[in-house]
Amino acid sequence: TTIEITPVADTPDASINVTKVVEGTADSNND
């Protein structure tokens, strides 16, 4: 018995983090 397996594209992983800061600025230590 032969088992033929059809390829399926994996669900892509991605992330995006959106931050709303009401006051202040970015960390001054960043270059």
Full PDB file with SEQRES, HELIX, SHEET, SSBOND, CRYST1, ORIGX, SCALE, CONECT and MASTER records, all heavy atoms in Angstrom:
SEQRES   1 A   31  THR THR ILE GLU ILE THR PRO VAL ALA ASP THR PRO ASP          
SEQRES   2 A   31  ALA SER ILE ASN VAL THR LYS VAL VAL GLU GLY THR ALA          
SEQRES   3 A   31  ASP SER ASN ASN ASP                                          
CRYST1    1.000    1.000    1.000  90.00  90.00  90.00 P 1           1          
ORIGX1      1.000000  0.000000  0.000000        0.00000                         
ORIGX2      0.000000  1.000000  0.000000        0.00000                         
ORIGX3      0.000000  0.000000  1.000000        0.00000                         
SCALE1      1.000000  0.000000  0.000000        0.00000                         
SCALE2      0.000000  1.000000  0.000000        0.00000                         
SCALE3      0.000000  0.000000  1.000000        0.00000                         
ATOM      1  N   THR A   1       0.860  -1.184   0.000  1.00  0.00           N  
ATOM      2  CA  THR A   1       0.000   0.000   0.000  1.00  0.00           C  
ATOM      3  C   THR A   1       0.896   1.233   0.000  1.00  0.00           C  
ATOM      4  O   THR A   1       1.704   1.420   0.919  1.00  0.00           O  
ATOM      5  CB  THR A   1      -0.930   0.027   1.222  1.00  0.00           C  
ATOM      6  OG1 THR A   1      -1.851  -1.058   1.131  1.00  0.00           O  
ATOM      7  CG2 THR A   1      -1.706   1.339   1.279  1.00  0.00           C  
ATOM      8  N   THR A   2       0.778   2.030  -1.037  1.00  0.00           N  
ATOM      9  CA  THR A   2       1.578   3.253  -1.168  1.00  0.00           C  
ATOM     10  C   THR A   2       0.790   4.433  -0.610  1.00  0.00           C  
ATOM     11  O   THR A   2      -0.407   4.570  -0.867  1.00  0.00           O  
ATOM     12  CB  THR A   2       1.931   3.515  -2.641  1.00  0.00           C  
ATOM     13  OG1 THR A   2       2.684   2.405  -3.139  1.00  0.00           O  
ATOM     14  CG2 THR A   2       2.743   4.795  -2.788  1.00  0.00           C  
ATOM     15  N   ILE A   3       1.478   5.269   0.147  1.00  0.00           N  
ATOM     16  CA  ILE A   3       0.853   6.446   0.752  1.00  0.00           C  
ATOM     17  C   ILE A   3       1.461   7.680   0.100  1.00  0.00           C  
ATOM     18  O   ILE A   3       2.641   7.979   0.286  1.00  0.00           O  
ATOM     19  CB  ILE A   3       1.091   6.478   2.272  1.00  0.00           C  
ATOM     20  CG1 ILE A   3       0.630   5.161   2.910  1.00  0.00           C  
ATOM     21  CG2 ILE A   3       0.363   7.665   2.904  1.00  0.00           C  
ATOM     22  CD1 ILE A   3       1.104   4.968   4.327  1.00  0.00           C  
ATOM     23  N   GLU A   4       0.655   8.362  -0.685  1.00  0.00           N  
ATOM     24  CA  GLU A   4       1.108   9.572  -1.355  1.00  0.00           C  
ATOM     25  C   GLU A   4       0.747  10.772  -0.483  1.00  0.00           C  
ATOM     26  O   GLU A   4      -0.414  10.956  -0.124  1.00  0.00           O  
ATOM     27  CB  GLU A   4       0.462   9.689  -2.730  1.00  0.00           C  
ATOM     28  CG  GLU A   4       0.825   8.529  -3.648  1.00  0.00           C  
ATOM     29  CD  GLU A   4       0.107   8.587  -4.986  1.00  0.00           C  
ATOM     30  OE1 GLU A   4      -0.716   9.505  -5.161  1.00  0.00           O  
ATOM     31  OE2 GLU A   4       0.369   7.725  -5.852  1.00  0.00           O  
ATOM     32  N   ILE A   5       1.756  11.573  -0.156  1.00  0.00           N  
ATOM     33  CA  ILE A   5       1.564  12.694   0.768  1.00  0.00           C  
ATOM     34  C   ILE A   5       1.673  14.006   0.000  1.00  0.00           C  
ATOM     35  O   ILE A   5       2.702  14.306  -0.602  1.00  0.00           O  
ATOM     36  CB  ILE A   5       2.577  12.636   1.920  1.00  0.00           C  
ATOM     37  CG1 ILE A   5       2.411  11.312   2.685  1.00  0.00           C  
ATOM     38  CG2 ILE A   5       2.409  13.835   2.855  1.00  0.00           C  
ATOM     39  CD1 ILE A   5       3.384  11.118   3.812  1.00  0.00           C  
ATOM     40  N   THR A   6       0.606  14.769   0.023  1.00  0.00           N  
ATOM     41  CA  THR A   6       0.545  16.045  -0.683  1.00  0.00           C  
ATOM     42  C   THR A   6       1.102  17.153   0.204  1.00  0.00           C  
ATOM     43  O   THR A   6       0.670  17.310   1.352  1.00  0.00           O  
ATOM     44  CB  THR A   6      -0.909  16.377  -1.064  1.00  0.00           C  
ATOM     45  OG1 THR A   6      -1.436  15.320  -1.864  1.00  0.00           O  
ATOM     46  CG2 THR A   6      -0.986  17.696  -1.821  1.00  0.00           C  
ATOM     47  N   PRO A   7       2.081  17.925  -0.295  1.00  0.00           N  
ATOM     48  CA  PRO A   7       2.647  18.996   0.549  1.00  0.00           C  
ATOM     49  C   PRO A   7       1.632  20.084   0.846  1.00  0.00           C  
ATOM     50  O   PRO A   7       0.791  20.423   0.016  1.00  0.00           O  
ATOM     51  CB  PRO A   7       3.812  19.533  -0.300  1.00  0.00           C  
ATOM     52  CG  PRO A   7       3.458  19.173  -1.709  1.00  0.00           C  
ATOM     53  CD  PRO A   7       2.701  17.882  -1.634  1.00  0.00           C  
ATOM     54  N   VAL A   8       1.708  20.599   2.058  1.00  0.00           N  
ATOM     55  CA  VAL A   8       0.845  21.697   2.492  1.00  0.00           C  
ATOM     56  C   VAL A   8       1.734  22.761   3.109  1.00  0.00           C  
ATOM     57  O   VAL A   8       2.555  22.464   3.991  1.00  0.00           O  
ATOM     58  CB  VAL A   8      -0.204  21.227   3.520  1.00  0.00           C  
ATOM     59  CG1 VAL A   8      -1.026  22.410   4.032  1.00  0.00           C  
ATOM     60  CG2 VAL A   8      -1.126  20.180   2.905  1.00  0.00           C  
ATOM     61  N   ALA A   9       1.599  23.986   2.648  1.00  0.00           N  
ATOM     62  CA  ALA A   9       2.404  25.093   3.192  1.00  0.00           C  
ATOM     63  C   ALA A   9       2.014  25.344   4.640  1.00  0.00           C  
ATOM     64  O   ALA A   9       0.831  25.425   4.977  1.00  0.00           O  
ATOM     65  CB  ALA A   9       2.197  26.358   2.368  1.00  0.00           C  
ATOM     66  N   ASP A  10       3.023  25.417   5.504  1.00  0.00           N  
ATOM     67  CA  ASP A  10       2.766  25.697   6.906  1.00  0.00           C  
ATOM     68  C   ASP A  10       2.247  27.118   7.073  1.00  0.00           C  
ATOM     69  O   ASP A  10       2.605  28.030   6.324  1.00  0.00           O  
ATOM     70  CB  ASP A  10       4.039  25.538   7.739  1.00  0.00           C  
ATOM     71  CG  ASP A  10       4.507  24.095   7.775  1.00  0.00           C  
ATOM     72  OD1 ASP A  10       3.646  23.206   7.652  1.00  0.00           O  
ATOM     73  OD2 ASP A  10       5.720  23.865   7.918  1.00  0.00           O  
ATOM     74  N   THR A  11       1.406  27.294   8.077  1.00  0.00           N  
ATOM     75  CA  THR A  11       0.938  28.637   8.392  1.00  0.00           C  
ATOM     76  C   THR A  11       2.122  29.491   8.812  1.00  0.00           C  
ATOM     77  O   THR A  11       2.862  29.123   9.727  1.00  0.00           O  
ATOM     78  CB  THR A  11      -0.092  28.600   9.531  1.00  0.00           C  
ATOM     79  OG1 THR A  11      -1.186  27.766   9.141  1.00  0.00           O  
ATOM     80  CG2 THR A  11      -0.607  30.001   9.845  1.00  0.00           C  
ATOM     81  N   PRO A  12       2.374  30.615   8.136  1.00  0.00           N  
ATOM     82  CA  PRO A  12       3.544  31.430   8.467  1.00  0.00           C  
ATOM     83  C   PRO A  12       3.431  32.089   9.829  1.00  0.00           C  
ATOM     84  O   PRO A  12       2.334  32.427  10.282  1.00  0.00           O  
ATOM     85  CB  PRO A  12       3.555  32.485   7.346  1.00  0.00           C  
ATOM     86  CG  PRO A  12       2.144  32.573   6.895  1.00  0.00           C  
ATOM     87  CD  PRO A  12       1.566  31.186   7.037  1.00  0.00           C  
ATOM     88  N   ASP A  13       4.575  32.221  10.465  1.00  0.00           N  
ATOM     89  CA  ASP A  13       4.632  32.899  11.753  1.00  0.00           C  
ATOM     90  C   ASP A  13       5.231  34.288  11.569  1.00  0.00           C  
ATOM     91  O   ASP A  13       6.266  34.444  10.946  1.00  0.00           O  
ATOM     92  CB  ASP A  13       5.501  32.118  12.745  1.00  0.00           C  
ATOM     93  CG  ASP A  13       4.866  30.791  13.129  1.00  0.00           C  
ATOM     94  OD1 ASP A  13       3.633  30.747  13.208  1.00  0.00           O  
ATOM     95  OD2 ASP A  13       5.616  29.825  13.338  1.00  0.00           O  
ATOM     96  N   ALA A  14       4.565  35.256  12.125  1.00  0.00           N  
ATOM     97  CA  ALA A  14       5.099  36.617  12.121  1.00  0.00           C  
ATOM     98  C   ALA A  14       4.525  37.342  13.314  1.00  0.00           C  
ATOM     99  O   ALA A  14       3.466  36.990  13.827  1.00  0.00           O  
ATOM    100  CB  ALA A  14       4.729  37.360  10.842  1.00  0.00           C  
ATOM    101  N   SER A  15       5.228  38.332  13.769  1.00  0.00           N  
ATOM    102  CA  SER A  15       4.704  39.099  14.888  1.00  0.00           C  
ATOM    103  C   SER A  15       5.030  40.564  14.700  1.00  0.00           C  
ATOM    104  O   SER A  15       6.045  40.916  14.114  1.00  0.00           O  
ATOM    105  CB  SER A  15       5.290  38.601  16.217  1.00  0.00           C  
ATOM    106  OG  SER A  15       6.683  38.837  16.267  1.00  0.00           O  
ATOM    107  N   ILE A  16       4.135  41.378  15.186  1.00  0.00           N  
ATOM    108  CA  ILE A  16       4.372  42.817  15.191  1.00  0.00           C  
ATOM    109  C   ILE A  16       3.812  43.362  16.490  1.00  0.00           C  
ATOM    110  O   ILE A  16       2.696  43.030  16.891  1.00  0.00           O  
ATOM    111  CB  ILE A  16       3.720  43.516  13.975  1.00  0.00           C  
ATOM    112  CG1 ILE A  16       3.911  45.028  14.098  1.00  0.00           C  
ATOM    113  CG2 ILE A  16       2.269  43.182  13.819  1.00  0.00           C  
ATOM    114  CD1 ILE A  16       3.477  45.788  12.885  1.00  0.00           C  
ATOM    115  N   ASN A  17       4.594  44.142  17.170  1.00  0.00           N  
ATOM    116  CA  ASN A  17       4.195  44.701  18.444  1.00  0.00           C  
ATOM    117  C   ASN A  17       4.055  46.214  18.271  1.00  0.00           C  
ATOM    118  O   ASN A  17       5.030  46.901  17.981  1.00  0.00           O  
ATOM    119  CB  ASN A  17       5.247  44.368  19.511  1.00  0.00           C  
ATOM    120  CG  ASN A  17       4.889  44.959  20.861  1.00  0.00           C  
ATOM    121  OD1 ASN A  17       3.733  45.272  21.112  1.00  0.00           O  
ATOM    122  ND2 ASN A  17       5.875  45.094  21.722  1.00  0.00           N  
ATOM    123  N   VAL A  18       2.825  46.712  18.416  1.00  0.00           N  
ATOM    124  CA  VAL A  18       2.580  48.142  18.293  1.00  0.00           C  
ATOM    125  C   VAL A  18       2.271  48.690  19.675  1.00  0.00           C  
ATOM    126  O   VAL A  18       1.328  48.253  20.333  1.00  0.00           O  
ATOM    127  CB  VAL A  18       1.411  48.435  17.334  1.00  0.00           C  
ATOM    128  CG1 VAL A  18       1.165  49.936  17.243  1.00  0.00           C  
ATOM    129  CG2 VAL A  18       1.701  47.844  15.964  1.00  0.00           C  
ATOM    130  N   THR A  19       3.096  49.629  20.120  1.00  0.00           N  
ATOM    131  CA  THR A  19       2.939  50.195  21.449  1.00  0.00           C  
ATOM    132  C   THR A  19       2.586  51.667  21.335  1.00  0.00           C  
ATOM    133  O   THR A  19       3.247  52.413  20.611  1.00  0.00           O  
ATOM    134  CB  THR A  19       4.247  50.058  22.255  1.00  0.00           C  
ATOM    135  OG1 THR A  19       4.617  48.677  22.283  1.00  0.00           O  
ATOM    136  CG2 THR A  19       4.076  50.576  23.665  1.00  0.00           C  
ATOM    137  N   LYS A  20       1.537  52.084  22.014  1.00  0.00           N  
ATOM    138  CA  LYS A  20       1.172  53.498  22.057  1.00  0.00           C  
ATOM    139  C   LYS A  20       1.591  54.052  23.401  1.00  0.00           C  
ATOM    140  O   LYS A  20       1.117  53.622  24.440  1.00  0.00           O  
ATOM    141  CB  LYS A  20      -0.344  53.677  21.874  1.00  0.00           C  
ATOM    142  CG  LYS A  20      -0.807  55.140  21.989  1.00  0.00           C  
ATOM    143  CD  LYS A  20      -0.290  55.954  20.826  1.00  0.00           C  
ATOM    144  CE  LYS A  20      -0.864  57.362  20.865  1.00  0.00           C  
ATOM    145  NZ  LYS A  20      -0.247  58.177  21.922  1.00  0.00           N  
ATOM    146  N   VAL A  21       2.557  54.957  23.397  1.00  0.00           N  
ATOM    147  CA  VAL A  21       3.038  55.587  24.614  1.00  0.00           C  
ATOM    148  C   VAL A  21       2.464  56.990  24.678  1.00  0.00           C  
ATOM    149  O   VAL A  21       2.685  57.807  23.779  1.00  0.00           O  
ATOM    150  CB  VAL A  21       4.581  55.645  24.643  1.00  0.00           C  
ATOM    151  CG1 VAL A  21       5.073  56.283  25.928  1.00  0.00           C  
ATOM    152  CG2 VAL A  21       5.143  54.235  24.493  1.00  0.00           C  
ATOM    153  N   VAL A  22       1.726  57.292  25.719  1.00  0.00           N  
ATOM    154  CA  VAL A  22       1.049  58.590  25.798  1.00  0.00           C  
ATOM    155  C   VAL A  22       2.036  59.700  26.076  1.00  0.00           C  
ATOM    156  O   VAL A  22       1.989  60.769  25.489  1.00  0.00           O  
ATOM    157  CB  VAL A  22      -0.040  58.553  26.890  1.00  0.00           C  
ATOM    158  CG1 VAL A  22      -0.700  59.921  27.031  1.00  0.00           C  
ATOM    159  CG2 VAL A  22      -1.074  57.490  26.552  1.00  0.00           C  
ATOM    160  N   GLU A  23       2.960  59.450  26.973  1.00  0.00           N  
ATOM    161  CA  GLU A  23       3.944  60.473  27.304  1.00  0.00           C  
ATOM    162  C   GLU A  23       5.334  59.861  27.261  1.00  0.00           C  
ATOM    163  O   GLU A  23       5.514  58.658  27.400  1.00  0.00           O  
ATOM    164  CB  GLU A  23       3.683  61.047  28.703  1.00  0.00           C  
ATOM    165  CG  GLU A  23       2.369  61.816  28.811  1.00  0.00           C  
ATOM    166  CD  GLU A  23       2.176  62.368  30.201  1.00  0.00           C  
ATOM    167  OE1 GLU A  23       3.011  62.067  31.073  1.00  0.00           O  
ATOM    168  OE2 GLU A  23       1.207  63.106  30.414  1.00  0.00           O  
ATOM    169  N   GLY A  24       6.305  60.722  27.085  1.00  0.00           N  
ATOM    170  CA  GLY A  24       7.682  60.244  27.119  1.00  0.00           C  
ATOM    171  C   GLY A  24       8.212  59.959  25.733  1.00  0.00           C  
ATOM    172  O   GLY A  24       7.520  60.045  24.744  1.00  0.00           O  
ATOM    173  N   THR A  25       9.477  59.620  25.697  1.00  0.00           N  
ATOM    174  CA  THR A  25      10.137  59.313  24.437  1.00  0.00           C  
ATOM    175  C   THR A  25      10.783  57.951  24.543  1.00  0.00           C  
ATOM    176  O   THR A  25      10.720  57.284  25.567  1.00  0.00           O  
ATOM    177  CB  THR A  25      11.199  60.369  24.106  1.00  0.00           C  
ATOM    178  OG1 THR A  25      12.148  60.400  25.166  1.00  0.00           O  
ATOM    179  CG2 THR A  25      10.561  61.739  23.949  1.00  0.00           C  
ATOM    180  N   ALA A  26      11.444  57.552  23.493  1.00  0.00           N  
ATOM    181  CA  ALA A  26      12.105  56.248  23.486  1.00  0.00           C  
ATOM    182  C   ALA A  26      13.279  56.246  24.442  1.00  0.00           C  
ATOM    183  O   ALA A  26      13.782  57.276  24.864  1.00  0.00           O  
ATOM    184  CB  ALA A  26      12.575  55.935  22.079  1.00  0.00           C  
ATOM    185  N   ASP A  27      13.718  55.065  24.798  1.00  0.00           N  
ATOM    186  CA  ASP A  27      14.850  54.882  25.702  1.00  0.00           C  
ATOM    187  C   ASP A  27      16.075  55.600  25.155  1.00  0.00           C  
ATOM    188  O   ASP A  27      16.545  55.319  24.062  1.00  0.00           O  
ATOM    189  CB  ASP A  27      15.135  53.380  25.822  1.00  0.00           C  
ATOM    190  CG  ASP A  27      16.215  53.082  26.853  1.00  0.00           C  
ATOM    191  OD1 ASP A  27      16.820  54.038  27.370  1.00  0.00           O  
ATOM    192  OD2 ASP A  27      16.426  51.884  27.124  1.00  0.00           O  
ATOM    193  N   SER A  28      16.610  56.514  25.922  1.00  0.00           N  
ATOM    194  CA  SER A  28      17.733  57.329  25.455  1.00  0.00           C  
ATOM    195  C   SER A  28      19.014  56.520  25.355  1.00  0.00           C  
ATOM    196  O   SER A  28      20.003  56.981  24.796  1.00  0.00           O  
ATOM    197  CB  SER A  28      17.942  58.517  26.408  1.00  0.00           C  
ATOM    198  OG  SER A  28      18.212  58.041  27.717  1.00  0.00           O  
ATOM    199  N   ASN A  29      19.009  55.290  25.924  1.00  0.00           N  
ATOM    200  CA  ASN A  29      20.220  54.476  25.861  1.00  0.00           C  
ATOM    201  C   ASN A  29      20.376  53.766  24.525  1.00  0.00           C  
ATOM    202  O   ASN A  29      21.407  53.164  24.255  1.00  0.00           O  
ATOM    203  CB  ASN A  29      20.199  53.435  26.987  1.00  0.00           C  
ATOM    204  CG  ASN A  29      20.316  54.078  28.363  1.00  0.00           C  
ATOM    205  OD1 ASN A  29      21.009  55.065  28.519  1.00  0.00           O  
ATOM    206  ND2 ASN A  29      19.606  53.517  29.351  1.00  0.00           N  
ATOM    207  N   ASN A  30      19.315  53.774  23.699  1.00  0.00           N  
ATOM    208  CA  ASN A  30      19.404  53.099  22.411  1.00  0.00           C  
ATOM    209  C   ASN A  30      20.302  53.868  21.450  1.00  0.00           C  
ATOM    210  O   ASN A  30      20.297  55.095  21.415  1.00  0.00           O  
ATOM    211  CB  ASN A  30      18.017  52.971  21.778  1.00  0.00           C  
ATOM    212  CG  ASN A  30      17.204  51.856  22.422  1.00  0.00           C  
ATOM    213  OD1 ASN A  30      17.751  50.888  22.929  1.00  0.00           O  
ATOM    214  ND2 ASN A  30      15.888  52.005  22.402  1.00  0.00           N  
ATOM    215  N   ASP A  31      21.068  53.144  20.675  1.00  0.00           N  
ATOM    216  CA  ASP A  31      21.860  53.736  19.607  1.00  0.00           C  
ATOM    217  C   ASP A  31      21.065  53.591  18.320  1.00  0.00           C  
ATOM    218  O   ASP A  31      20.953  52.504  17.779  1.00  0.00           O  
ATOM    219  CB  ASP A  31      23.214  53.034  19.477  1.00  0.00           C  
ATOM    220  CG  ASP A  31      24.080  53.242  20.696  1.00  0.00           C  
ATOM    221  OD1 ASP A  31      24.002  54.333  21.279  1.00  0.00           O  
ATOM    222  OD2 ASP A  31      24.826  52.307  21.054  1.00  0.00           O  
TER     223      ASP A  31                                                      
MASTER        0    0    0    0    0    0    0    6  222    1    0    3          
END                                                                             
